[in-house]
Amino acid sequence: MVEFKVVISDPKTGKAYQRVVSGANANKLIGKQIGDTINGTLVDLPPDYELKITGGSDKDGFPMRPDLPGSGRRRILLSGGVGYNPSERGVRRRKTVRGRVISADIVQINVKVVKHGRVPLEEFFKEHGTSR
């Protein structure tokens, strides 16, 4: 059984909320890529919400990179961006990162709200008691 922790960021308020998704909705997320837009019903939000996948990390903590095709892990030479933040300019390092496609090995998926619904997220998560 696949289970994802979905972190929902609200750019309007600057707050983030966490929701655990499992079962059929989790299976629908497999195969989606960074940059895809999903309906709010996949993460138990009202259907008028639209969410954009912005990243994630796998079971061992390796981040997903939007410029890497596929879902596997790779050791690539990085000079910055997701997965490596150099302390000096021009420094490069070989780091392990994961591709942009969501697979069963992914644990956390980061999304941001693209289209807001009628009920604000703050009220919706206050009712359900899962704010972060």
N, C-alpha and C. Protein backbone atom coordinates (compact mmCIF):
# COMPACT_ATOMS: atom_id res chain seq x y z
N MET A 1 0.85 -1.18 0.00
CA MET A 1 0.00 0.00 0.00
C MET A 1 0.89 1.24 0.00
N VAL A 2 0.67 2.10 -0.95
CA VAL A 2 1.45 3.32 -1.08
C VAL A 2 0.84 4.41 -0.21
N GLU A 3 1.70 5.18 0.44
CA GLU A 3 1.24 6.29 1.28
C GLU A 3 2.18 7.47 1.07
N PHE A 4 1.61 8.65 0.84
CA PHE A 4 2.39 9.86 0.63
C PHE A 4 2.03 10.90 1.68
N LYS A 5 3.04 11.66 2.13
CA LYS A 5 2.80 12.86 2.92
C LYS A 5 2.81 14.01 1.93
N VAL A 6 1.68 14.66 1.79
CA VAL A 6 1.56 15.77 0.85
C VAL A 6 1.61 17.08 1.64
N VAL A 7 2.58 17.93 1.33
CA VAL A 7 2.72 19.23 1.98
C VAL A 7 2.12 20.27 1.04
N ILE A 8 1.04 20.89 1.49
CA ILE A 8 0.30 21.86 0.68
C ILE A 8 0.69 23.26 1.12
N SER A 9 1.31 24.02 0.22
CA SER A 9 1.72 25.40 0.52
C SER A 9 0.70 26.36 -0.06
N ASP A 10 0.34 27.34 0.74
CA ASP A 10 -0.61 28.37 0.32
C ASP A 10 0.15 29.66 0.09
N PRO A 11 0.38 30.07 -1.17
CA PRO A 11 1.15 31.29 -1.42
C PRO A 11 0.47 32.57 -0.91
N LYS A 12 -0.86 32.54 -0.77
CA LYS A 12 -1.57 33.72 -0.27
C LYS A 12 -1.19 34.04 1.17
N THR A 13 -1.19 33.01 2.03
CA THR A 13 -0.94 33.22 3.45
C THR A 13 0.49 32.89 3.85
N GLY A 14 1.21 32.12 3.03
CA GLY A 14 2.57 31.72 3.37
C GLY A 14 2.62 30.54 4.32
N LYS A 15 1.49 29.88 4.53
CA LYS A 15 1.45 28.74 5.45
C LYS A 15 1.46 27.43 4.67
N ALA A 16 1.90 26.36 5.36
CA ALA A 16 1.92 25.02 4.77
C ALA A 16 1.14 24.07 5.65
N TYR A 17 0.47 23.14 5.02
CA TYR A 17 -0.35 22.15 5.71
C TYR A 17 0.04 20.77 5.22
N GLN A 18 -0.02 19.78 6.10
CA GLN A 18 0.36 18.43 5.73
C GLN A 18 -0.85 17.50 5.75
N ARG A 19 -0.91 16.63 4.77
CA ARG A 19 -2.01 15.68 4.66
C ARG A 19 -1.43 14.34 4.22
N VAL A 20 -1.82 13.26 4.86
CA VAL A 20 -1.39 11.92 4.48
C VAL A 20 -2.40 11.35 3.49
N VAL A 21 -1.91 10.91 2.33
CA VAL A 21 -2.77 10.39 1.28
C VAL A 21 -2.42 8.92 1.07
N SER A 22 -3.43 8.06 1.09
CA SER A 22 -3.19 6.64 0.86
C SER A 22 -4.35 6.07 0.07
N GLY A 23 -4.22 4.81 -0.33
CA GLY A 23 -5.28 4.13 -1.06
C GLY A 23 -5.35 4.53 -2.52
N ALA A 24 -6.57 4.66 -3.03
CA ALA A 24 -6.78 4.93 -4.45
C ALA A 24 -6.24 6.29 -4.86
N ASN A 25 -6.38 7.29 -3.98
CA ASN A 25 -5.86 8.62 -4.31
C ASN A 25 -4.34 8.62 -4.42
N ALA A 26 -3.66 7.84 -3.59
CA ALA A 26 -2.20 7.75 -3.67
C ALA A 26 -1.79 7.07 -4.98
N ASN A 27 -2.53 6.06 -5.39
CA ASN A 27 -2.22 5.37 -6.65
C ASN A 27 -2.40 6.30 -7.84
N LYS A 28 -3.33 7.24 -7.77
CA LYS A 28 -3.54 8.19 -8.86
C LYS A 28 -2.37 9.18 -8.99
N LEU A 29 -1.64 9.39 -7.88
CA LEU A 29 -0.50 10.31 -7.92
C LEU A 29 0.74 9.68 -8.57
N ILE A 30 0.82 8.35 -8.56
CA ILE A 30 1.98 7.69 -9.17
C ILE A 30 1.97 7.93 -10.67
N GLY A 31 3.11 8.34 -11.20
CA GLY A 31 3.24 8.65 -12.62
C GLY A 31 3.13 10.13 -12.92
N LYS A 32 2.63 10.92 -11.98
CA LYS A 32 2.58 12.37 -12.17
C LYS A 32 4.00 12.94 -12.08
N GLN A 33 4.21 14.11 -12.66
CA GLN A 33 5.54 14.72 -12.68
C GLN A 33 5.51 16.08 -12.00
N ILE A 34 6.71 16.56 -11.66
CA ILE A 34 6.84 17.91 -11.14
C ILE A 34 6.36 18.87 -12.22
N GLY A 35 5.49 19.79 -11.84
CA GLY A 35 4.92 20.74 -12.79
C GLY A 35 3.50 20.39 -13.20
N ASP A 36 3.06 19.15 -12.96
CA ASP A 36 1.69 18.75 -13.28
C ASP A 36 0.71 19.40 -12.31
N THR A 37 -0.50 19.62 -12.78
CA THR A 37 -1.56 20.19 -11.95
C THR A 37 -2.53 19.07 -11.60
N ILE A 38 -2.89 18.99 -10.31
CA ILE A 38 -3.83 17.96 -9.87
C ILE A 38 -5.03 18.62 -9.21
N ASN A 39 -6.11 17.87 -9.13
CA ASN A 39 -7.33 18.35 -8.50
C ASN A 39 -7.21 18.21 -6.98
N GLY A 40 -7.87 19.06 -6.24
CA GLY A 40 -7.81 19.03 -4.79
C GLY A 40 -8.43 17.79 -4.17
N THR A 41 -9.30 17.10 -4.90
CA THR A 41 -9.93 15.91 -4.35
C THR A 41 -8.93 14.78 -4.10
N LEU A 42 -7.80 14.78 -4.79
CA LEU A 42 -6.78 13.74 -4.58
C LEU A 42 -6.16 13.82 -3.20
N VAL A 43 -6.17 15.01 -2.59
CA VAL A 43 -5.61 15.18 -1.25
C VAL A 43 -6.70 15.57 -0.25
N ASP A 44 -7.91 15.13 -0.52
CA ASP A 44 -9.07 15.35 0.37
C ASP A 44 -9.38 16.82 0.62
N LEU A 45 -9.22 17.63 -0.41
CA LEU A 45 -9.63 19.04 -0.36
C LEU A 45 -10.89 19.19 -1.20
N PRO A 46 -11.61 20.30 -1.07
CA PRO A 46 -12.77 20.52 -1.94
C PRO A 46 -12.37 20.50 -3.41
N PRO A 47 -13.27 20.09 -4.30
CA PRO A 47 -12.93 19.92 -5.72
C PRO A 47 -12.59 21.23 -6.45
N ASP A 48 -12.91 22.39 -5.86
CA ASP A 48 -12.61 23.64 -6.56
C ASP A 48 -11.15 24.08 -6.35
N TYR A 49 -10.36 23.33 -5.60
CA TYR A 49 -8.93 23.63 -5.42
C TYR A 49 -8.12 22.95 -6.52
N GLU A 50 -7.11 23.66 -7.02
CA GLU A 50 -6.18 23.10 -7.99
C GLU A 50 -4.78 23.24 -7.43
N LEU A 51 -3.99 22.17 -7.49
CA LEU A 51 -2.66 22.14 -6.89
C LEU A 51 -1.62 21.80 -7.95
N LYS A 52 -0.44 22.41 -7.83
CA LYS A 52 0.67 22.15 -8.75
C LYS A 52 1.78 21.44 -7.98
N ILE A 53 2.28 20.34 -8.53
CA ILE A 53 3.36 19.58 -7.89
C ILE A 53 4.67 20.34 -8.08
N THR A 54 5.36 20.64 -6.97
CA THR A 54 6.60 21.42 -7.05
C THR A 54 7.84 20.62 -6.68
N GLY A 55 7.68 19.43 -6.10
CA GLY A 55 8.85 18.63 -5.74
C GLY A 55 8.49 17.54 -4.76
N GLY A 56 9.53 16.99 -4.12
CA GLY A 56 9.32 15.94 -3.15
C GLY A 56 10.63 15.29 -2.78
N SER A 57 10.54 14.24 -1.98
CA SER A 57 11.74 13.49 -1.61
C SER A 57 11.37 12.03 -1.40
N ASP A 58 12.38 11.15 -1.52
CA ASP A 58 12.11 9.72 -1.43
C ASP A 58 12.31 9.19 -0.02
N LYS A 59 12.23 7.88 0.14
CA LYS A 59 12.29 7.25 1.46
C LYS A 59 13.60 7.46 2.18
N ASP A 60 14.67 7.76 1.44
CA ASP A 60 15.98 8.00 2.05
C ASP A 60 16.34 9.48 2.12
N GLY A 61 15.42 10.35 1.73
CA GLY A 61 15.64 11.78 1.85
C GLY A 61 16.24 12.45 0.63
N PHE A 62 16.40 11.73 -0.47
CA PHE A 62 16.96 12.34 -1.68
C PHE A 62 15.88 13.15 -2.39
N PRO A 63 16.19 14.40 -2.77
CA PRO A 63 15.18 15.27 -3.37
C PRO A 63 14.92 14.94 -4.83
N MET A 64 13.73 15.34 -5.29
CA MET A 64 13.37 15.21 -6.70
C MET A 64 13.82 16.48 -7.42
N ARG A 65 14.38 16.30 -8.62
CA ARG A 65 14.79 17.44 -9.44
C ARG A 65 13.89 17.54 -10.66
N PRO A 66 13.40 18.76 -10.96
CA PRO A 66 12.48 18.91 -12.09
C PRO A 66 13.15 18.75 -13.46
N ASP A 67 14.49 18.84 -13.54
CA ASP A 67 15.16 18.74 -14.83
C ASP A 67 15.70 17.34 -15.12
N LEU A 68 15.36 16.36 -14.29
CA LEU A 68 15.86 14.99 -14.44
C LEU A 68 14.71 14.08 -14.84
N PRO A 69 14.71 13.50 -16.05
CA PRO A 69 13.60 12.65 -16.47
C PRO A 69 13.58 11.32 -15.73
N GLY A 70 12.41 10.70 -15.65
CA GLY A 70 12.28 9.40 -15.02
C GLY A 70 12.03 9.49 -13.53
N SER A 71 12.07 8.31 -12.88
CA SER A 71 11.80 8.29 -11.44
C SER A 71 12.96 7.70 -10.64
N GLY A 72 14.03 7.28 -11.31
CA GLY A 72 15.13 6.64 -10.61
C GLY A 72 16.10 7.62 -9.98
N ARG A 73 16.99 7.06 -9.15
CA ARG A 73 18.05 7.86 -8.53
C ARG A 73 19.24 7.93 -9.46
N ARG A 74 19.92 9.08 -9.45
CA ARG A 74 21.13 9.24 -10.24
C ARG A 74 22.13 10.08 -9.46
N ARG A 75 23.41 9.81 -9.68
CA ARG A 75 24.47 10.64 -9.12
C ARG A 75 24.93 11.57 -10.24
N ILE A 76 24.60 12.84 -10.10
CA ILE A 76 24.95 13.80 -11.15
C ILE A 76 25.81 14.92 -10.57
N LEU A 77 26.54 15.59 -11.44
CA LEU A 77 27.40 16.69 -11.05
C LEU A 77 26.56 17.97 -10.98
N LEU A 78 26.47 18.55 -9.79
CA LEU A 78 25.63 19.72 -9.57
C LEU A 78 26.47 20.94 -9.23
N SER A 79 26.04 22.08 -9.72
CA SER A 79 26.68 23.34 -9.35
C SER A 79 25.71 24.23 -8.59
N GLY A 80 24.53 23.72 -8.28
CA GLY A 80 23.52 24.48 -7.54
C GLY A 80 22.14 23.95 -7.85
N GLY A 81 21.15 24.56 -7.24
CA GLY A 81 19.77 24.15 -7.47
C GLY A 81 19.31 23.14 -6.44
N VAL A 82 18.28 22.38 -6.78
CA VAL A 82 17.69 21.41 -5.87
C VAL A 82 18.72 20.31 -5.59
N GLY A 83 18.99 20.06 -4.32
CA GLY A 83 19.88 18.98 -3.93
C GLY A 83 21.29 19.42 -3.57
N TYR A 84 21.68 20.66 -3.92
CA TYR A 84 23.02 21.14 -3.59
C TYR A 84 23.04 22.66 -3.56
N ASN A 85 23.56 23.19 -2.47
CA ASN A 85 23.68 24.64 -2.31
C ASN A 85 25.15 24.94 -2.01
N PRO A 86 25.97 25.27 -3.03
CA PRO A 86 27.40 25.46 -2.80
C PRO A 86 27.69 26.70 -1.96
N SER A 87 28.76 26.62 -1.19
CA SER A 87 29.13 27.75 -0.33
C SER A 87 29.91 28.81 -1.10
N GLU A 88 30.56 28.41 -2.19
CA GLU A 88 31.32 29.36 -3.02
C GLU A 88 30.87 29.25 -4.46
N ARG A 89 31.12 30.29 -5.21
CA ARG A 89 30.76 30.31 -6.62
C ARG A 89 31.71 29.40 -7.41
N GLY A 90 31.14 28.61 -8.32
CA GLY A 90 31.95 27.74 -9.17
C GLY A 90 32.22 26.36 -8.61
N VAL A 91 31.81 26.09 -7.39
CA VAL A 91 32.04 24.78 -6.78
C VAL A 91 31.00 23.80 -7.32
N ARG A 92 31.47 22.62 -7.74
CA ARG A 92 30.56 21.58 -8.22
C ARG A 92 30.79 20.31 -7.41
N ARG A 93 29.75 19.53 -7.25
CA ARG A 93 29.86 18.30 -6.47
C ARG A 93 28.90 17.25 -7.03
N ARG A 94 29.33 16.00 -6.98
CA ARG A 94 28.47 14.90 -7.43
C ARG A 94 27.53 14.53 -6.29
N LYS A 95 26.22 14.61 -6.54
CA LYS A 95 25.22 14.34 -5.52
C LYS A 95 24.18 13.36 -6.08
N THR A 96 23.56 12.63 -5.17
CA THR A 96 22.50 11.71 -5.56
C THR A 96 21.16 12.43 -5.46
N VAL A 97 20.42 12.40 -6.56
CA VAL A 97 19.09 13.02 -6.61
C VAL A 97 18.15 12.06 -7.35
N ARG A 98 16.87 12.35 -7.30
CA ARG A 98 15.85 11.51 -7.91
C ARG A 98 15.19 12.27 -9.06
N GLY A 99 14.65 11.53 -10.03
CA GLY A 99 13.98 12.12 -11.19
C GLY A 99 12.67 12.79 -10.83
N ARG A 100 12.03 13.38 -11.83
CA ARG A 100 10.85 14.22 -11.60
C ARG A 100 9.52 13.46 -11.54
N VAL A 101 9.53 12.16 -11.81
CA VAL A 101 8.29 11.38 -11.85
C VAL A 101 8.05 10.73 -10.48
N ILE A 102 6.82 10.82 -9.98
CA ILE A 102 6.46 10.24 -8.69
C ILE A 102 6.33 8.73 -8.83
N SER A 103 7.03 8.00 -7.94
CA SER A 103 6.96 6.54 -7.93
C SER A 103 6.59 6.08 -6.52
N ALA A 104 6.57 4.77 -6.30
CA ALA A 104 6.21 4.22 -4.99
C ALA A 104 7.29 4.50 -3.94
N ASP A 105 8.52 4.84 -4.37
CA ASP A 105 9.61 5.13 -3.43
C ASP A 105 9.53 6.53 -2.84
N ILE A 106 8.71 7.38 -3.40
CA ILE A 106 8.57 8.76 -2.91
C ILE A 106 7.75 8.73 -1.63
N VAL A 107 8.17 9.54 -0.63
CA VAL A 107 7.47 9.61 0.65
C VAL A 107 6.74 10.93 0.78
N GLN A 108 7.42 12.03 0.40
CA GLN A 108 6.83 13.36 0.56
C GLN A 108 6.67 14.01 -0.81
N ILE A 109 5.51 14.63 -1.02
CA ILE A 109 5.23 15.37 -2.24
C ILE A 109 4.88 16.79 -1.85
N ASN A 110 5.56 17.76 -2.45
CA ASN A 110 5.30 19.16 -2.18
C ASN A 110 4.41 19.72 -3.28
N VAL A 111 3.33 20.39 -2.88
CA VAL A 111 2.42 21.02 -3.85
C VAL A 111 2.12 22.44 -3.39
N LYS A 112 1.73 23.28 -4.36
CA LYS A 112 1.28 24.62 -4.00
C LYS A 112 -0.07 24.87 -4.64
N VAL A 113 -0.84 25.72 -4.00
CA VAL A 113 -2.19 26.03 -4.46
C VAL A 113 -2.10 26.98 -5.65
N VAL A 114 -2.70 26.56 -6.78
CA VAL A 114 -2.73 27.39 -7.97
C VAL A 114 -4.07 28.12 -8.07
N LYS A 115 -5.14 27.39 -7.74
CA LYS A 115 -6.49 27.96 -7.79
C LYS A 115 -7.16 27.70 -6.45
N HIS A 116 -7.55 28.76 -5.77
CA HIS A 116 -8.17 28.65 -4.46
C HIS A 116 -9.66 28.37 -4.58
N GLY A 117 -10.19 27.70 -3.58
CA GLY A 117 -11.62 27.39 -3.53
C GLY A 117 -12.37 28.41 -2.69
N ARG A 118 -13.63 28.10 -2.45
CA ARG A 118 -14.47 29.03 -1.67
C ARG A 118 -14.08 29.03 -0.20
N VAL A 119 -13.77 27.86 0.36
CA VAL A 119 -13.40 27.75 1.77
C VAL A 119 -11.89 27.94 1.88
N PRO A 120 -11.41 28.90 2.69
CA PRO A 120 -9.96 29.07 2.85
C PRO A 120 -9.32 27.83 3.47
N LEU A 121 -8.08 27.55 3.09
CA LEU A 121 -7.38 26.38 3.60
C LEU A 121 -7.25 26.41 5.12
N GLU A 122 -7.05 27.61 5.65
CA GLU A 122 -6.87 27.75 7.10
C GLU A 122 -8.10 27.22 7.85
N GLU A 123 -9.29 27.57 7.37
CA GLU A 123 -10.51 27.09 8.02
C GLU A 123 -10.70 25.61 7.80
N PHE A 124 -10.37 25.12 6.60
CA PHE A 124 -10.55 23.71 6.29
C PHE A 124 -9.66 22.83 7.17
N PHE A 125 -8.42 23.23 7.38
CA PHE A 125 -7.52 22.43 8.20
C PHE A 125 -7.76 22.64 9.69
N LYS A 126 -8.34 23.78 10.08
CA LYS A 126 -8.69 23.98 11.48
C LYS A 126 -9.80 23.03 11.88
N GLU A 127 -10.76 22.81 10.99
CA GLU A 127 -11.87 21.88 11.25
C GLU A 127 -11.35 20.47 11.46
N HIS A 128 -10.39 20.08 10.62
CA HIS A 128 -9.90 18.71 10.64
C HIS A 128 -8.71 18.52 11.58
N GLY A 129 -8.19 19.60 12.12
CA GLY A 129 -7.12 19.51 13.11
C GLY A 129 -5.80 18.98 12.61
N THR A 130 -5.45 19.28 11.33
CA THR A 130 -4.18 18.78 10.79
C THR A 130 -3.32 19.92 10.26
N SER A 131 -3.28 21.01 10.95
CA SER A 131 -2.44 22.11 10.49
C SER A 131 -1.03 21.91 11.02
N ARG A 132 -0.08 22.59 10.42
CA ARG A 132 1.32 22.38 10.76
C ARG A 132 1.98 23.65 11.21
